[in-house]
Amino acid sequence: MALGHPLELRERIVRAHVELKMAPQEIAELFGVGRSSVRRYLAKHAAGESLTPGVPTGAPTKLGDKELGWLRKQLMTDPYLTSYELSARYNKRFRSNQVHRSTILRAIAGLGFTHKKRPR
């Protein structure tokens, strides 16, 4: 899921409506955001609510710094490991934190590697 718009942008959107009397559609075009977002920020402002972005939804990552360090070391040692081999090694090494191959693939991409290739 994408991160929300920064607080500064949200405040500029509200100021454009309040001070410049711009319509939501004009504001959306000017700032390059969706009309629904503009309407939502204006409604929050009118209700006296904070414009601060909320906490992103979703589960926390299953791989911490220790696991990512181990994964990076494995990839640096043998950059031609397949994702299947790597996930099997990971699950053997970290028995209390078993993960699916797709989790390993996302972690590999997050570390700047592509599977079965050297780092970018």
PDB file of N, CA and C in Angstrom:
ATOM      1  N   MET A   1       0.841  -1.175   0.000  1.00  0.00           N
ATOM      2  CA  MET A   1       0.000   0.000   0.000  1.00  0.00           C
ATOM      3  C   MET A   1       0.889   1.242   0.000  1.00  0.00           C
ATOM      4  N   ALA A   2       0.496   2.236  -0.738  1.00  0.00           N
ATOM      5  CA  ALA A   2       1.274   3.468  -0.825  1.00  0.00           C
ATOM      6  C   ALA A   2       1.155   4.288   0.454  1.00  0.00           C
ATOM      7  N   LEU A   3       2.183   5.051   0.710  1.00  0.00           N
ATOM      8  CA  LEU A   3       2.151   5.935   1.869  1.00  0.00           C
ATOM      9  C   LEU A   3       1.226   7.112   1.584  1.00  0.00           C
ATOM     10  N   GLY A   4       0.675   7.711   2.624  1.00  0.00           N
ATOM     11  CA  GLY A   4      -0.215   8.858   2.474  1.00  0.00           C
ATOM     12  C   GLY A   4       0.557  10.104   2.071  1.00  0.00           C
ATOM     13  N   HIS A   5      -0.175  11.115   1.692  1.00  0.00           N
ATOM     14  CA  HIS A   5       0.451  12.387   1.340  1.00  0.00           C
ATOM     15  C   HIS A   5       1.058  13.032   2.580  1.00  0.00           C
ATOM     16  N   PRO A   6       2.185  13.738   2.406  1.00  0.00           N
ATOM     17  CA  PRO A   6       2.820  14.385   3.562  1.00  0.00           C
ATOM     18  C   PRO A   6       1.922  15.446   4.187  1.00  0.00           C
ATOM     19  N   LEU A   7       2.156  15.710   5.455  1.00  0.00           N
ATOM     20  CA  LEU A   7       1.356  16.677   6.203  1.00  0.00           C
ATOM     21  C   LEU A   7       1.414  18.057   5.559  1.00  0.00           C
ATOM     22  N   GLU A   8       2.596  18.460   5.104  1.00  0.00           N
ATOM     23  CA  GLU A   8       2.742  19.784   4.487  1.00  0.00           C
ATOM     24  C   GLU A   8       1.836  19.934   3.262  1.00  0.00           C
ATOM     25  N   LEU A   9       1.755  18.908   2.431  1.00  0.00           N
ATOM     26  CA  LEU A   9       0.889  18.951   1.253  1.00  0.00           C
ATOM     27  C   LEU A   9      -0.574  19.036   1.674  1.00  0.00           C
ATOM     28  N   ARG A  10      -0.953  18.284   2.677  1.00  0.00           N
ATOM     29  CA  ARG A  10      -2.331  18.308   3.160  1.00  0.00           C
ATOM     30  C   ARG A  10      -2.707  19.708   3.650  1.00  0.00           C
ATOM     31  N   GLU A  11      -1.770  20.338   4.360  1.00  0.00           N
ATOM     32  CA  GLU A  11      -2.035  21.689   4.858  1.00  0.00           C
ATOM     33  C   GLU A  11      -2.123  22.693   3.710  1.00  0.00           C
ATOM     34  N   ARG A  12      -1.300  22.544   2.696  1.00  0.00           N
ATOM     35  CA  ARG A  12      -1.365  23.440   1.534  1.00  0.00           C
ATOM     36  C   ARG A  12      -2.680  23.276   0.786  1.00  0.00           C
ATOM     37  N   ILE A  13      -3.175  22.042   0.721  1.00  0.00           N
ATOM     38  CA  ILE A  13      -4.460  21.772   0.071  1.00  0.00           C
ATOM     39  C   ILE A  13      -5.581  22.486   0.819  1.00  0.00           C
ATOM     40  N   VAL A  14      -5.595  22.383   2.135  1.00  0.00           N
ATOM     41  CA  VAL A  14      -6.631  23.036   2.943  1.00  0.00           C
ATOM     42  C   VAL A  14      -6.514  24.553   2.809  1.00  0.00           C
ATOM     43  N   ARG A  15      -5.281  25.085   2.844  1.00  0.00           N
ATOM     44  CA  ARG A  15      -5.090  26.537   2.703  1.00  0.00           C
ATOM     45  C   ARG A  15      -5.598  27.032   1.357  1.00  0.00           C
ATOM     46  N   ALA A  16      -5.369  26.255   0.291  1.00  0.00           N
ATOM     47  CA  ALA A  16      -5.841  26.664  -1.037  1.00  0.00           C
ATOM     48  C   ALA A  16      -7.359  26.782  -1.052  1.00  0.00           C
ATOM     49  N   HIS A  17      -8.020  25.911  -0.329  1.00  0.00           N
ATOM     50  CA  HIS A  17      -9.480  25.956  -0.291  1.00  0.00           C
ATOM     51  C   HIS A  17      -9.978  27.101   0.592  1.00  0.00           C
ATOM     52  N   VAL A  18      -9.373  27.229   1.776  1.00  0.00           N
ATOM     53  CA  VAL A  18      -9.843  28.220   2.747  1.00  0.00           C
ATOM     54  C   VAL A  18      -9.470  29.642   2.320  1.00  0.00           C
ATOM     55  N   GLU A  19      -8.213  29.853   1.976  1.00  0.00           N
ATOM     56  CA  GLU A  19      -7.734  31.203   1.682  1.00  0.00           C
ATOM     57  C   GLU A  19      -7.986  31.638   0.241  1.00  0.00           C
ATOM     58  N   LEU A  20      -7.815  30.723  -0.705  1.00  0.00           N
ATOM     59  CA  LEU A  20      -7.957  31.083  -2.121  1.00  0.00           C
ATOM     60  C   LEU A  20      -9.331  30.734  -2.688  1.00  0.00           C
ATOM     61  N   LYS A  21     -10.157  30.076  -1.884  1.00  0.00           N
ATOM     62  CA  LYS A  21     -11.527  29.707  -2.284  1.00  0.00           C
ATOM     63  C   LYS A  21     -11.552  28.848  -3.549  1.00  0.00           C
ATOM     64  N   MET A  22     -10.561  27.981  -3.680  1.00  0.00           N
ATOM     65  CA  MET A  22     -10.502  27.106  -4.849  1.00  0.00           C
ATOM     66  C   MET A  22     -11.434  25.914  -4.644  1.00  0.00           C
ATOM     67  N   ALA A  23     -11.961  25.401  -5.738  1.00  0.00           N
ATOM     68  CA  ALA A  23     -12.826  24.221  -5.697  1.00  0.00           C
ATOM     69  C   ALA A  23     -11.963  22.968  -5.553  1.00  0.00           C
ATOM     70  N   PRO A  24     -12.512  21.915  -4.971  1.00  0.00           N
ATOM     71  CA  PRO A  24     -11.740  20.679  -4.793  1.00  0.00           C
ATOM     72  C   PRO A  24     -11.152  20.130  -6.093  1.00  0.00           C
ATOM     73  N   GLN A  25     -11.896  20.220  -7.186  1.00  0.00           N
ATOM     74  CA  GLN A  25     -11.389  19.708  -8.462  1.00  0.00           C
ATOM     75  C   GLN A  25     -10.171  20.517  -8.918  1.00  0.00           C
ATOM     76  N   GLU A  26     -10.217  21.840  -8.753  1.00  0.00           N
ATOM     77  CA  GLU A  26      -9.076  22.683  -9.123  1.00  0.00           C
ATOM     78  C   GLU A  26      -7.858  22.362  -8.261  1.00  0.00           C
ATOM     79  N   ILE A  27      -8.096  22.164  -6.975  1.00  0.00           N
ATOM     80  CA  ILE A  27      -7.009  21.850  -6.051  1.00  0.00           C
ATOM     81  C   ILE A  27      -6.369  20.513  -6.424  1.00  0.00           C
ATOM     82  N   ALA A  28      -7.203  19.537  -6.747  1.00  0.00           N
ATOM     83  CA  ALA A  28      -6.697  18.215  -7.126  1.00  0.00           C
ATOM     84  C   ALA A  28      -5.797  18.314  -8.351  1.00  0.00           C
ATOM     85  N   GLU A  29      -6.213  19.089  -9.339  1.00  0.00           N
ATOM     86  CA  GLU A  29      -5.415  19.255 -10.552  1.00  0.00           C
ATOM     87  C   GLU A  29      -4.121  20.018 -10.262  1.00  0.00           C
ATOM     88  N   LEU A  30      -4.214  21.058  -9.441  1.00  0.00           N
ATOM     89  CA  LEU A  30      -3.054  21.885  -9.121  1.00  0.00           C
ATOM     90  C   LEU A  30      -1.968  21.089  -8.392  1.00  0.00           C
ATOM     91  N   PHE A  31      -2.368  20.290  -7.402  1.00  0.00           N
ATOM     92  CA  PHE A  31      -1.400  19.560  -6.584  1.00  0.00           C
ATOM     93  C   PHE A  31      -1.140  18.139  -7.062  1.00  0.00           C
ATOM     94  N   GLY A  32      -1.875  17.696  -8.075  1.00  0.00           N
ATOM     95  CA  GLY A  32      -1.652  16.355  -8.606  1.00  0.00           C
ATOM     96  C   GLY A  32      -2.077  15.245  -7.662  1.00  0.00           C
ATOM     97  N   VAL A  33      -3.187  15.453  -6.962  1.00  0.00           N
ATOM     98  CA  VAL A  33      -3.725  14.435  -6.056  1.00  0.00           C
ATOM     99  C   VAL A  33      -5.150  14.119  -6.484  1.00  0.00           C
ATOM    100  N   GLY A  34      -5.708  13.083  -5.935  1.00  0.00           N
ATOM    101  CA  GLY A  34      -7.068  12.691  -6.267  1.00  0.00           C
ATOM    102  C   GLY A  34      -8.107  13.602  -5.632  1.00  0.00           C
ATOM    103  N   ARG A  35      -9.240  13.755  -6.304  1.00  0.00           N
ATOM    104  CA  ARG A  35     -10.322  14.587  -5.754  1.00  0.00           C
ATOM    105  C   ARG A  35     -10.845  14.025  -4.441  1.00  0.00           C
ATOM    106  N   SER A  36     -10.864  12.718  -4.331  1.00  0.00           N
ATOM    107  CA  SER A  36     -11.330  12.094  -3.081  1.00  0.00           C
ATOM    108  C   SER A  36     -10.418  12.465  -1.920  1.00  0.00           C
ATOM    109  N   SER A  37      -9.115  12.511  -2.187  1.00  0.00           N
ATOM    110  CA  SER A  37      -8.164  12.893  -1.132  1.00  0.00           C
ATOM    111  C   SER A  37      -8.417  14.326  -0.698  1.00  0.00           C
ATOM    112  N   VAL A  38      -8.623  15.219  -1.673  1.00  0.00           N
ATOM    113  CA  VAL A  38      -8.885  16.625  -1.354  1.00  0.00           C
ATOM    114  C   VAL A  38     -10.142  16.737  -0.502  1.00  0.00           C
ATOM    115  N   ARG A  39     -11.197  16.065  -0.910  1.00  0.00           N
ATOM    116  CA  ARG A  39     -12.453  16.122  -0.153  1.00  0.00           C
ATOM    117  C   ARG A  39     -12.268  15.563   1.264  1.00  0.00           C
ATOM    118  N   ARG A  40     -11.510  14.508   1.381  1.00  0.00           N
ATOM    119  CA  ARG A  40     -11.261  13.891   2.693  1.00  0.00           C
ATOM    120  C   ARG A  40     -10.501  14.849   3.603  1.00  0.00           C
ATOM    121  N   TYR A  41      -9.474  15.530   3.074  1.00  0.00           N
ATOM    122  CA  TYR A  41      -8.696  16.475   3.880  1.00  0.00           C
ATOM    123  C   TYR A  41      -9.545  17.673   4.275  1.00  0.00           C
ATOM    124  N   LEU A  42     -10.390  18.149   3.371  1.00  0.00           N
ATOM    125  CA  LEU A  42     -11.258  19.281   3.689  1.00  0.00           C
ATOM    126  C   LEU A  42     -12.287  18.898   4.753  1.00  0.00           C
ATOM    127  N   ALA A  43     -12.807  17.677   4.650  1.00  0.00           N
ATOM    128  CA  ALA A  43     -13.782  17.213   5.646  1.00  0.00           C
ATOM    129  C   ALA A  43     -13.121  17.071   7.018  1.00  0.00           C
ATOM    130  N   LYS A  44     -11.899  16.572   7.055  1.00  0.00           N
ATOM    131  CA  LYS A  44     -11.181  16.453   8.330  1.00  0.00           C
ATOM    132  C   LYS A  44     -10.948  17.832   8.937  1.00  0.00           C
ATOM    133  N   HIS A  45     -10.561  18.771   8.096  1.00  0.00           N
ATOM    134  CA  HIS A  45     -10.309  20.136   8.572  1.00  0.00           C
ATOM    135  C   HIS A  45     -11.600  20.748   9.121  1.00  0.00           C
ATOM    136  N   ALA A  46     -12.696  20.576   8.401  1.00  0.00           N
ATOM    137  CA  ALA A  46     -13.982  21.134   8.829  1.00  0.00           C
ATOM    138  C   ALA A  46     -14.442  20.511  10.151  1.00  0.00           C
ATOM    139  N   ALA A  47     -14.115  19.243  10.373  1.00  0.00           N
ATOM    140  CA  ALA A  47     -14.514  18.559  11.605  1.00  0.00           C
ATOM    141  C   ALA A  47     -13.534  18.830  12.751  1.00  0.00           C
ATOM    142  N   GLY A  48     -12.471  19.562  12.457  1.00  0.00           N
ATOM    143  CA  GLY A  48     -11.488  19.879  13.486  1.00  0.00           C
ATOM    144  C   GLY A  48     -10.530  18.744  13.785  1.00  0.00           C
ATOM    145  N   GLU A  49     -10.454  17.768  12.896  1.00  0.00           N
ATOM    146  CA  GLU A  49      -9.555  16.629  13.082  1.00  0.00           C
ATOM    147  C   GLU A  49      -8.157  16.957  12.570  1.00  0.00           C
ATOM    148  N   SER A  50      -7.197  16.207  13.025  1.00  0.00           N
ATOM    149  CA  SER A  50      -5.812  16.378  12.599  1.00  0.00           C
ATOM    150  C   SER A  50      -5.631  15.898  11.156  1.00  0.00           C
ATOM    151  N   LEU A  51      -4.775  16.576  10.424  1.00  0.00           N
ATOM    152  CA  LEU A  51      -4.480  16.179   9.050  1.00  0.00           C
ATOM    153  C   LEU A  51      -3.287  15.237   8.977  1.00  0.00           C
ATOM    154  N   THR A  52      -2.713  14.896  10.114  1.00  0.00           N
ATOM    155  CA  THR A  52      -1.537  14.038  10.160  1.00  0.00           C
ATOM    156  C   THR A  52      -1.856  12.674   9.572  1.00  0.00           C
ATOM    157  N   PRO A  53      -0.969  12.158   8.692  1.00  0.00           N
ATOM    158  CA  PRO A  53      -1.203  10.827   8.122  1.00  0.00           C
ATOM    159  C   PRO A  53      -1.248   9.769   9.213  1.00  0.00           C
ATOM    160  N   GLY A  54      -2.087   8.775   9.028  1.00  0.00           N
ATOM    161  CA  GLY A  54      -2.207   7.700   9.998  1.00  0.00           C
ATOM    162  C   GLY A  54      -1.089   6.684   9.849  1.00  0.00           C
ATOM    163  N   VAL A  55      -1.106   5.701  10.692  1.00  0.00           N
ATOM    164  CA  VAL A  55      -0.128   4.628  10.650  1.00  0.00           C
ATOM    165  C   VAL A  55      -0.495   3.691   9.497  1.00  0.00           C
ATOM    166  N   PRO A  56       0.484   3.310   8.663  1.00  0.00           N
ATOM    167  CA  PRO A  56       0.174   2.401   7.559  1.00  0.00           C
ATOM    168  C   PRO A  56      -0.380   1.078   8.062  1.00  0.00           C
ATOM    169  N   THR A  57      -1.301   0.519   7.313  1.00  0.00           N
ATOM    170  CA  THR A  57      -1.892  -0.758   7.693  1.00  0.00           C
ATOM    171  C   THR A  57      -1.019  -1.898   7.203  1.00  0.00           C
ATOM    172  N   GLY A  58      -1.285  -3.067   7.671  1.00  0.00           N
ATOM    173  CA  GLY A  58      -0.552  -4.247   7.236  1.00  0.00           C
ATOM    174  C   GLY A  58       0.268  -4.827   8.359  1.00  0.00           C
ATOM    175  N   ALA A  59       0.676  -6.048   8.148  1.00  0.00           N
ATOM    176  CA  ALA A  59       1.454  -6.766   9.156  1.00  0.00           C
ATOM    177  C   ALA A  59       2.912  -6.306   9.121  1.00  0.00           C
ATOM    178  N   PRO A  60       3.583  -6.339  10.261  1.00  0.00           N
ATOM    179  CA  PRO A  60       5.000  -6.003  10.265  1.00  0.00           C
ATOM    180  C   PRO A  60       5.803  -7.071   9.520  1.00  0.00           C
ATOM    181  N   THR A  61       6.964  -6.700   9.047  1.00  0.00           N
ATOM    182  CA  THR A  61       7.792  -7.636   8.310  1.00  0.00           C
ATOM    183  C   THR A  61       8.252  -8.776   9.204  1.00  0.00           C
ATOM    184  N   LYS A  62       8.394  -9.953   8.635  1.00  0.00           N
ATOM    185  CA  LYS A  62       8.826 -11.116   9.405  1.00  0.00           C
ATOM    186  C   LYS A  62      10.337 -11.197   9.502  1.00  0.00           C
ATOM    187  N   LEU A  63      11.048 -10.409   8.698  1.00  0.00           N
ATOM    188  CA  LEU A  63      12.505 -10.470   8.680  1.00  0.00           C
ATOM    189  C   LEU A  63      13.089  -9.229   9.339  1.00  0.00           C
ATOM    190  N   GLY A  64      13.802  -9.428  10.427  1.00  0.00           N
ATOM    191  CA  GLY A  64      14.447  -8.329  11.122  1.00  0.00           C
ATOM    192  C   GLY A  64      15.857  -8.098  10.594  1.00  0.00           C
ATOM    193  N   ASP A  65      16.604  -7.258  11.279  1.00  0.00           N
ATOM    194  CA  ASP A  65      17.965  -6.928  10.859  1.00  0.00           C
ATOM    195  C   ASP A  65      18.865  -8.154  10.846  1.00  0.00           C
ATOM    196  N   LYS A  66      18.718  -9.007  11.858  1.00  0.00           N
ATOM    197  CA  LYS A  66      19.541 -10.217  11.952  1.00  0.00           C
ATOM    198  C   LYS A  66      19.301 -11.115  10.736  1.00  0.00           C
ATOM    199  N   GLU A  67      18.039 -11.338  10.410  1.00  0.00           N
ATOM    200  CA  GLU A  67      17.695 -12.214   9.289  1.00  0.00           C
ATOM    201  C   GLU A  67      18.121 -11.608   7.956  1.00  0.00           C
ATOM    202  N   LEU A  68      17.919 -10.293   7.802  1.00  0.00           N
ATOM    203  CA  LEU A  68      18.319  -9.638   6.559  1.00  0.00           C
ATOM    204  C   LEU A  68      19.838  -9.650   6.390  1.00  0.00           C
ATOM    205  N   GLY A  69      20.569  -9.506   7.500  1.00  0.00           N
ATOM    206  CA  GLY A  69      22.030  -9.587   7.443  1.00  0.00           C
ATOM    207  C   GLY A  69      22.486 -10.967   6.993  1.00  0.00           C
ATOM    208  N   TRP A  70      21.841 -11.988   7.544  1.00  0.00           N
ATOM    209  CA  TRP A  70      22.156 -13.361   7.146  1.00  0.00           C
ATOM    210  C   TRP A  70      21.858 -13.564   5.658  1.00  0.00           C
ATOM    211  N   LEU A  71      20.722 -13.060   5.217  1.00  0.00           N
ATOM    212  CA  LEU A  71      20.313 -13.199   3.820  1.00  0.00           C
ATOM    213  C   LEU A  71      21.300 -12.501   2.892  1.00  0.00           C
ATOM    214  N   ARG A  72      21.722 -11.290   3.268  1.00  0.00           N
ATOM    215  CA  ARG A  72      22.692 -10.549   2.453  1.00  0.00           C
ATOM    216  C   ARG A  72      24.011 -11.325   2.353  1.00  0.00           C
ATOM    217  N   LYS A  73      24.453 -11.890   3.483  1.00  0.00           N
ATOM    218  CA  LYS A  73      25.702 -12.655   3.502  1.00  0.00           C
ATOM    219  C   LYS A  73      25.605 -13.865   2.576  1.00  0.00           C
ATOM    220  N   GLN A  74      24.469 -14.554   2.617  1.00  0.00           N
ATOM    221  CA  GLN A  74      24.271 -15.717   1.740  1.00  0.00           C
ATOM    222  C   GLN A  74      24.340 -15.323   0.270  1.00  0.00           C
ATOM    223  N   LEU A  75      23.716 -14.200  -0.060  1.00  0.00           N
ATOM    224  CA  LEU A  75      23.698 -13.752  -1.456  1.00  0.00           C
ATOM    225  C   LEU A  75      25.069 -13.270  -1.917  1.00  0.00           C
ATOM    226  N   MET A  76      25.827 -12.663  -1.014  1.00  0.00           N
ATOM    227  CA  MET A  76      27.167 -12.208  -1.371  1.00  0.00           C
ATOM    228  C   MET A  76      28.114 -13.402  -1.537  1.00  0.00           C
ATOM    229  N   THR A  77      27.918 -14.428  -0.704  1.00  0.00           N
ATOM    230  CA  THR A  77      28.758 -15.619  -0.779  1.00  0.00           C
ATOM    231  C   THR A  77      28.466 -16.416  -2.048  1.00  0.00           C
ATOM    232  N   ASP A  78      27.192 -16.606  -2.345  1.00  0.00           N
ATOM    233  CA  ASP A  78      26.799 -17.378  -3.525  1.00  0.00           C
ATOM    234  C   ASP A  78      25.652 -16.660  -4.237  1.00  0.00           C
ATOM    235  N   PRO A  79      25.972 -15.739  -5.152  1.00  0.00           N
ATOM    236  CA  PRO A  79      24.918 -14.959  -5.810  1.00  0.00           C
ATOM    237  C   PRO A  79      24.048 -15.764  -6.769  1.00  0.00           C
ATOM    238  N   TYR A  80      24.392 -17.029  -7.010  1.00  0.00           N
ATOM    239  CA  TYR A  80      23.617 -17.829  -7.953  1.00  0.00           C
ATOM    240  C   TYR A  80      22.646 -18.779  -7.266  1.00  0.00           C
ATOM    241  N   LEU A  81      22.426 -18.573  -5.956  1.00  0.00           N
ATOM    242  CA  LEU A  81      21.415 -19.368  -5.254  1.00  0.00           C
ATOM    243  C   LEU A  81      20.040 -19.048  -5.815  1.00  0.00           C
ATOM    244  N   THR A  82      19.231 -20.075  -5.998  1.00  0.00           N
ATOM    245  CA  THR A  82      17.858 -19.819  -6.433  1.00  0.00           C
ATOM    246  C   THR A  82      17.037 -19.424  -5.214  1.00  0.00           C
ATOM    247  N   SER A  83      15.905 -18.833  -5.458  1.00  0.00           N
ATOM    248  CA  SER A  83      15.038 -18.436  -4.346  1.00  0.00           C
ATOM    249  C   SER A  83      14.530 -19.664  -3.585  1.00  0.00           C
ATOM    250  N   TYR A  84      14.384 -20.782  -4.275  1.00  0.00           N
ATOM    251  CA  TYR A  84      13.957 -22.015  -3.616  1.00  0.00           C
ATOM    252  C   TYR A  84      15.044 -22.505  -2.658  1.00  0.00           C
ATOM    253  N   GLU A  85      16.287 -22.508  -3.141  1.00  0.00           N
ATOM    254  CA  GLU A  85      17.400 -22.940  -2.294  1.00  0.00           C
ATOM    255  C   GLU A  85      17.573 -22.001  -1.099  1.00  0.00           C
ATOM    256  N   LEU A  86      17.460 -20.720  -1.371  1.00  0.00           N
ATOM    257  CA  LEU A  86      17.652 -19.728  -0.326  1.00  0.00           C
ATOM    258  C   LEU A  86      16.564 -19.816   0.742  1.00  0.00           C
ATOM    259  N   SER A  87      15.321 -20.000   0.315  1.00  0.00           N
ATOM    260  CA  SER A  87      14.241 -20.109   1.302  1.00  0.00           C
ATOM    261  C   SER A  87      14.377 -21.397   2.109  1.00  0.00           C
ATOM    262  N   ALA A  88      14.848 -22.482   1.497  1.00  0.00           N
ATOM    263  CA  ALA A  88      15.070 -23.727   2.241  1.00  0.00           C
ATOM    264  C   ALA A  88      16.179 -23.532   3.271  1.00  0.00           C
ATOM    265  N   ARG A  89      17.265 -22.862   2.881  1.00  0.00           N
ATOM    266  CA  ARG A  89      18.357 -22.587   3.825  1.00  0.00           C
ATOM    267  C   ARG A  89      17.879 -21.687   4.965  1.00  0.00           C
ATOM    268  N   TYR A  90      17.100 -20.692   4.607  1.00  0.00           N
ATOM    269  CA  TYR A  90      16.595 -19.768   5.629  1.00  0.00           C
ATOM    270  C   TYR A  90      15.737 -20.527   6.647  1.00  0.00           C
ATOM    271  N   ASN A  91      14.803 -21.311   6.163  1.00  0.00           N
ATOM    272  CA  ASN A  91      13.895 -22.025   7.054  1.00  0.00           C
ATOM    273  C   ASN A  91      14.625 -23.071   7.900  1.00  0.00           C
ATOM    274  N   LYS A  92      15.735 -23.594   7.386  1.00  0.00           N
ATOM    275  CA  LYS A  92      16.545 -24.526   8.174  1.00  0.00           C
ATOM    276  C   LYS A  92      17.317 -23.770   9.250  1.00  0.00           C
ATOM    277  N   ARG A  93      17.806 -22.582   8.915  1.00  0.00           N
ATOM    278  CA  ARG A  93      18.606 -21.773   9.846  1.00  0.00           C
ATOM    279  C   ARG A  93      17.736 -21.132  10.928  1.00  0.00           C
ATOM    280  N   PHE A  94      16.586 -20.585  10.537  1.00  0.00           N
ATOM    281  CA  PHE A  94      15.693 -19.885  11.465  1.00  0.00           C
ATOM    282  C   PHE A  94      14.408 -20.703  11.633  1.00  0.00           C
ATOM    283  N   ARG A  95      14.502 -21.775  12.368  1.00  0.00           N
ATOM    284  CA  ARG A  95      13.362 -22.692  12.522  1.00  0.00           C
ATOM    285  C   ARG A  95      12.166 -22.044  13.222  1.00  0.00           C
ATOM    286  N   SER A  96      12.418 -21.069  14.073  1.00  0.00           N
ATOM    287  CA  SER A  96      11.313 -20.438  14.806  1.00  0.00           C
ATOM    288  C   SER A  96      10.616 -19.348  13.993  1.00  0.00           C
ATOM    289  N   ASN A  97      11.158 -19.028  12.824  1.00  0.00           N
ATOM    290  CA  ASN A  97      10.581 -17.969  11.992  1.00  0.00           C
ATOM    291  C   ASN A  97      10.485 -18.455  10.549  1.00  0.00           C
ATOM    292  N   GLN A  98       9.674 -19.475  10.329  1.00  0.00           N
ATOM    293  CA  GLN A  98       9.523 -20.047   8.990  1.00  0.00           C
ATOM    294  C   GLN A  98       8.795 -19.055   8.081  1.00  0.00           C
ATOM    295  N   VAL A  99       9.314 -18.897   6.868  1.00  0.00           N
ATOM    296  CA  VAL A  99       8.694 -17.972   5.911  1.00  0.00           C
ATOM    297  C   VAL A  99       8.510 -18.653   4.564  1.00  0.00           C
ATOM    298  N   HIS A 100       7.651 -18.088   3.769  1.00  0.00           N
ATOM    299  CA  HIS A 100       7.378 -18.581   2.425  1.00  0.00           C
ATOM    300  C   HIS A 100       8.410 -18.017   1.455  1.00  0.00           C
ATOM    301  N   ARG A 101       8.572 -18.655   0.343  1.00  0.00           N
ATOM    302  CA  ARG A 101       9.516 -18.215  -0.685  1.00  0.00           C
ATOM    303  C   ARG A 101       9.240 -16.780  -1.133  1.00  0.00           C
ATOM    304  N   SER A 102       7.982 -16.383  -1.192  1.00  0.00           N
ATOM    305  CA  SER A 102       7.646 -15.021  -1.628  1.00  0.00           C
ATOM    306  C   SER A 102       8.193 -13.976  -0.656  1.00  0.00           C
ATOM    307  N   THR A 103       8.239 -14.309   0.635  1.00  0.00           N
ATOM    308  CA  THR A 103       8.815 -13.394   1.624  1.00  0.00           C
ATOM    309  C   THR A 103      10.301 -13.213   1.355  1.00  0.00           C
ATOM    310  N   ILE A 104      10.988 -14.296   1.020  1.00  0.00           N
ATOM    311  CA  ILE A 104      12.412 -14.238   0.682  1.00  0.00           C
ATOM    312  C   ILE A 104      12.611 -13.401  -0.579  1.00  0.00           C
ATOM    313  N   LEU A 105      11.754 -13.588  -1.568  1.00  0.00           N
ATOM    314  CA  LEU A 105      11.874 -12.805  -2.809  1.00  0.00           C
ATOM    315  C   LEU A 105      11.702 -11.306  -2.548  1.00  0.00           C
ATOM    316  N   ARG A 106      10.743 -10.929  -1.704  1.00  0.00           N
ATOM    317  CA  ARG A 106      10.553  -9.514  -1.368  1.00  0.00           C
ATOM    318  C   ARG A 106      11.761  -8.965  -0.620  1.00  0.00           C
ATOM    319  N   ALA A 107      12.319  -9.775   0.276  1.00  0.00           N
ATOM    320  CA  ALA A 107      13.496  -9.350   1.026  1.00  0.00           C
ATOM    321  C   ALA A 107      14.703  -9.180   0.103  1.00  0.00           C
ATOM    322  N   ILE A 108      14.865 -10.095  -0.834  1.00  0.00           N
ATOM    323  CA  ILE A 108      15.963 -10.003  -1.802  1.00  0.00           C
ATOM    324  C   ILE A 108      15.854  -8.707  -2.585  1.00  0.00           C
ATOM    325  N   ALA A 109      14.659  -8.399  -3.049  1.00  0.00           N
ATOM    326  CA  ALA A 109      14.449  -7.157  -3.804  1.00  0.00           C
ATOM    327  C   ALA A 109      14.706  -5.947  -2.920  1.00  0.00           C
ATOM    328  N   GLY A 110      14.284  -6.007  -1.660  1.00  0.00           N
ATOM    329  CA  GLY A 110      14.500  -4.905  -0.726  1.00  0.00           C
ATOM    330  C   GLY A 110      15.968  -4.660  -0.436  1.00  0.00           C
ATOM    331  N   LEU A 111      16.770  -5.711  -0.519  1.00  0.00           N
ATOM    332  CA  LEU A 111      18.212  -5.581  -0.294  1.00  0.00           C
ATOM    333  C   LEU A 111      18.948  -5.091  -1.539  1.00  0.00           C
ATOM    334  N   GLY A 112      18.236  -4.976  -2.657  1.00  0.00           N
ATOM    335  CA  GLY A 112      18.851  -4.485  -3.885  1.00  0.00           C
ATOM    336  C   GLY A 112      19.385  -5.582  -4.782  1.00  0.00           C
ATOM    337  N   PHE A 113      18.985  -6.810  -4.531  1.00  0.00           N
ATOM    338  CA  PHE A 113      19.396  -7.933  -5.357  1.00  0.00           C
ATOM    339  C   PHE A 113      18.233  -8.367  -6.235  1.00  0.00           C
ATOM    340  N   THR A 114      18.564  -9.072  -7.297  1.00  0.00           N
ATOM    341  CA  THR A 114      17.538  -9.801  -8.042  1.00  0.00           C
ATOM    342  C   THR A 114      17.888 -11.261  -7.856  1.00  0.00           C
ATOM    343  N   HIS A 115      16.919 -12.132  -7.845  1.00  0.00           N
ATOM    344  CA  HIS A 115      17.240 -13.533  -7.588  1.00  0.00           C
ATOM    345  C   HIS A 115      18.129 -14.087  -8.689  1.00  0.00           C
ATOM    346  N   LYS A 116      19.113 -14.886  -8.252  1.00  0.00           N
ATOM    347  CA  LYS A 116      20.075 -15.547  -9.124  1.00  0.00           C
ATOM    348  C   LYS A 116      20.996 -14.568  -9.862  1.00  0.00           C
ATOM    349  N   LYS A 117      21.175 -13.354  -9.348  1.00  0.00           N
ATOM    350  CA  LYS A 117      22.066 -12.410 -10.008  1.00  0.00           C
ATOM    351  C   LYS A 117      22.882 -11.665  -8.968  1.00  0.00           C
ATOM    352  N   ARG A 118      23.892 -11.002  -9.402  1.00  0.00           N
ATOM    353  CA  ARG A 118      24.729 -10.182  -8.512  1.00  0.00           C
ATOM    354  C   ARG A 118      23.952  -8.917  -8.129  1.00  0.00           C
ATOM    355  N   PRO A 119      24.388  -8.218  -7.047  1.00  0.00           N
ATOM    356  CA  PRO A 119      23.673  -6.991  -6.632  1.00  0.00           C
ATOM    357  C   PRO A 119      23.720  -5.919  -7.712  1.00  0.00           C
ATOM    358  N   ARG A 120      22.701  -5.081  -7.698  1.00  0.00           N
ATOM    359  CA  ARG A 120      22.612  -3.997  -8.679  1.00  0.00           C
ATOM    360  C   ARG A 120      23.711  -2.986  -8.473  1.00  0.00           C
TER     361      ARG A 120
END
